[in-house]
Amino acid sequence: MRASLYRAEGHLVRGEWLPAARALSDALPHAEQKERVLLLGLRHLAVAGFRREDGDRVRARRQLDRARRRLAPFVGEDVGVDVGSLLWLVSRGIEP
């Protein structure tokens, strides 16, 4: 599960949205409940990036809002990835 999380983080940083979503989906069956919330939030973040790149700002914002709700408990926590930085990285291209 952790390896998939780290792999997804690298994909998100590089703007590789589909590989990030796949890595997160691969980890879901092996995750405990709290980890599932984290993985699903990060997957929403990957989808937001994909929608932004595809030119669909409305859907990108919707996915970003979902990601923020799911990821809010993890911002500033030591969960293996810097959730706050990932949120900022994806949101900077979606929000004015």
C-alpha atoms as a PDB file:
ATOM      1  CA  MET A   1       0.000   0.000   0.000  1.00  0.00           C
ATOM      2  CA  ARG A   2       2.773   2.449   0.956  1.00  0.00           C
ATOM      3  CA  ALA A   3       4.687   1.762  -2.251  1.00  0.00           C
ATOM      4  CA  SER A   4       1.599   2.617  -4.312  1.00  0.00           C
ATOM      5  CA  LEU A   5       1.115   5.787  -2.265  1.00  0.00           C
ATOM      6  CA  TYR A   6       4.693   6.923  -2.917  1.00  0.00           C
ATOM      7  CA  ARG A   7       4.415   5.997  -6.594  1.00  0.00           C
ATOM      8  CA  ALA A   8       1.186   8.012  -6.879  1.00  0.00           C
ATOM      9  CA  GLU A   9       2.816  10.993  -5.176  1.00  0.00           C
ATOM     10  CA  GLY A  10       5.573  11.014  -7.794  1.00  0.00           C
ATOM     11  CA  HIS A  11       3.032  10.852 -10.594  1.00  0.00           C
ATOM     12  CA  LEU A  12       1.026  13.719  -9.082  1.00  0.00           C
ATOM     13  CA  VAL A  13       4.125  15.887  -8.751  1.00  0.00           C
ATOM     14  CA  ARG A  14       4.986  15.251 -12.409  1.00  0.00           C
ATOM     15  CA  GLY A  15       1.404  15.874 -13.570  1.00  0.00           C
ATOM     16  CA  GLU A  16       0.911  12.266 -14.649  1.00  0.00           C
ATOM     17  CA  TRP A  17      -2.760  12.082 -13.692  1.00  0.00           C
ATOM     18  CA  LEU A  18      -3.833   8.713 -15.078  1.00  0.00           C
ATOM     19  CA  PRO A  19      -0.832   6.773 -13.698  1.00  0.00           C
ATOM     20  CA  ALA A  20      -1.427   8.457 -10.319  1.00  0.00           C
ATOM     21  CA  ALA A  21      -5.075   7.396 -10.294  1.00  0.00           C
ATOM     22  CA  ARG A  22      -4.094   3.837 -11.249  1.00  0.00           C
ATOM     23  CA  ALA A  23      -1.495   3.590  -8.494  1.00  0.00           C
ATOM     24  CA  LEU A  24      -4.052   4.803  -5.948  1.00  0.00           C
ATOM     25  CA  SER A  25      -6.698   2.395  -7.211  1.00  0.00           C
ATOM     26  CA  ASP A  26      -4.197  -0.468  -6.968  1.00  0.00           C
ATOM     27  CA  ALA A  27      -3.615   0.335  -3.301  1.00  0.00           C
ATOM     28  CA  LEU A  28      -7.293   0.592  -2.296  1.00  0.00           C
ATOM     29  CA  PRO A  29      -7.948  -3.148  -1.777  1.00  0.00           C
ATOM     30  CA  HIS A  30      -5.013  -3.318   0.667  1.00  0.00           C
ATOM     31  CA  ALA A  31      -5.859  -0.205   2.680  1.00  0.00           C
ATOM     32  CA  GLU A  32      -7.465   0.140   6.077  1.00  0.00           C
ATOM     33  CA  GLN A  33     -10.422   2.535   6.457  1.00  0.00           C
ATOM     34  CA  LYS A  34      -8.423   5.683   7.303  1.00  0.00           C
ATOM     35  CA  GLU A  35      -5.974   4.926   4.496  1.00  0.00           C
ATOM     36  CA  ARG A  36      -8.889   4.440   2.088  1.00  0.00           C
ATOM     37  CA  VAL A  37     -10.076   7.983   2.784  1.00  0.00           C
ATOM     38  CA  LEU A  38      -6.569   9.287   2.036  1.00  0.00           C
ATOM     39  CA  LEU A  39      -6.251   7.247  -1.168  1.00  0.00           C
ATOM     40  CA  LEU A  40      -9.695   8.268  -2.412  1.00  0.00           C
ATOM     41  CA  GLY A  41      -8.946  11.926  -1.705  1.00  0.00           C
ATOM     42  CA  LEU A  42      -5.699  11.712  -3.633  1.00  0.00           C
ATOM     43  CA  ARG A  43      -7.504   9.964  -6.482  1.00  0.00           C
ATOM     44  CA  HIS A  44      -9.964  12.896  -6.634  1.00  0.00           C
ATOM     45  CA  LEU A  45      -6.912  15.134  -6.832  1.00  0.00           C
ATOM     46  CA  ALA A  46      -5.553  13.145  -9.781  1.00  0.00           C
ATOM     47  CA  VAL A  47      -8.918  13.378 -11.534  1.00  0.00           C
ATOM     48  CA  ALA A  48      -8.999  17.138 -10.893  1.00  0.00           C
ATOM     49  CA  GLY A  49      -5.622  17.465 -12.595  1.00  0.00           C
ATOM     50  CA  PHE A  50      -6.804  15.351 -15.513  1.00  0.00           C
ATOM     51  CA  ARG A  51      -9.981  17.435 -15.912  1.00  0.00           C
ATOM     52  CA  ARG A  52      -7.966  20.653 -15.772  1.00  0.00           C
ATOM     53  CA  GLU A  53      -5.596  19.415 -18.446  1.00  0.00           C
ATOM     54  CA  ASP A  54      -8.559  18.332 -20.540  1.00  0.00           C
ATOM     55  CA  GLY A  55      -9.904  21.899 -20.381  1.00  0.00           C
ATOM     56  CA  ASP A  56     -12.921  21.116 -18.197  1.00  0.00           C
ATOM     57  CA  ARG A  57     -12.494  23.655 -15.391  1.00  0.00           C
ATOM     58  CA  VAL A  58     -15.975  23.087 -13.930  1.00  0.00           C
ATOM     59  CA  ARG A  59     -15.393  19.378 -13.372  1.00  0.00           C
ATOM     60  CA  ALA A  60     -11.822  20.048 -12.259  1.00  0.00           C
ATOM     61  CA  ARG A  61     -13.084  22.392  -9.513  1.00  0.00           C
ATOM     62  CA  ARG A  62     -15.705  19.848  -8.473  1.00  0.00           C
ATOM     63  CA  GLN A  63     -13.074  17.125  -8.134  1.00  0.00           C
ATOM     64  CA  LEU A  64     -10.753  19.513  -6.305  1.00  0.00           C
ATOM     65  CA  ASP A  65     -13.536  20.304  -3.807  1.00  0.00           C
ATOM     66  CA  ARG A  66     -14.083  16.588  -3.205  1.00  0.00           C
ATOM     67  CA  ALA A  67     -10.357  16.065  -2.743  1.00  0.00           C
ATOM     68  CA  ARG A  68     -10.161  18.910  -0.228  1.00  0.00           C
ATOM     69  CA  ARG A  69     -13.026  17.504   1.836  1.00  0.00           C
ATOM     70  CA  ARG A  70     -11.516  14.032   1.981  1.00  0.00           C
ATOM     71  CA  LEU A  71      -7.947  15.215   2.509  1.00  0.00           C
ATOM     72  CA  ALA A  72      -8.640  17.925   5.120  1.00  0.00           C
ATOM     73  CA  PRO A  73      -7.905  15.606   8.090  1.00  0.00           C
ATOM     74  CA  PHE A  74      -4.525  14.676   6.596  1.00  0.00           C
ATOM     75  CA  VAL A  75      -3.113  18.150   5.915  1.00  0.00           C
ATOM     76  CA  GLY A  76      -0.149  18.655   8.219  1.00  0.00           C
ATOM     77  CA  GLU A  77      -0.199  15.028   9.402  1.00  0.00           C
ATOM     78  CA  ASP A  78       2.608  12.576   8.821  1.00  0.00           C
ATOM     79  CA  VAL A  79       0.920  10.165   6.424  1.00  0.00           C
ATOM     80  CA  GLY A  80       3.912   9.479   4.205  1.00  0.00           C
ATOM     81  CA  VAL A  81       3.163  12.199   1.653  1.00  0.00           C
ATOM     82  CA  ASP A  82       2.819  15.975   1.939  1.00  0.00           C
ATOM     83  CA  VAL A  83      -0.914  16.313   1.371  1.00  0.00           C
ATOM     84  CA  GLY A  84      -0.909  20.114   1.667  1.00  0.00           C
ATOM     85  CA  SER A  85       1.738  20.489  -1.027  1.00  0.00           C
ATOM     86  CA  LEU A  86      -0.075  18.111  -3.356  1.00  0.00           C
ATOM     87  CA  LEU A  87      -3.327  20.043  -2.900  1.00  0.00           C
ATOM     88  CA  TRP A  88      -1.542  23.303  -3.638  1.00  0.00           C
ATOM     89  CA  LEU A  89       0.241  21.859  -6.658  1.00  0.00           C
ATOM     90  CA  VAL A  90      -2.950  20.695  -8.347  1.00  0.00           C
ATOM     91  CA  SER A  91      -5.146  23.605  -7.264  1.00  0.00           C
ATOM     92  CA  ARG A  92      -2.811  26.296  -8.614  1.00  0.00           C
ATOM     93  CA  GLY A  93      -3.790  25.412 -12.172  1.00  0.00           C
ATOM     94  CA  ILE A  94      -7.496  25.179 -11.418  1.00  0.00           C
ATOM     95  CA  GLU A  95      -8.244  28.213  -9.284  1.00  0.00           C
ATOM     96  CA  PRO A  96      -7.503  31.777 -10.326  1.00  0.00           C
END
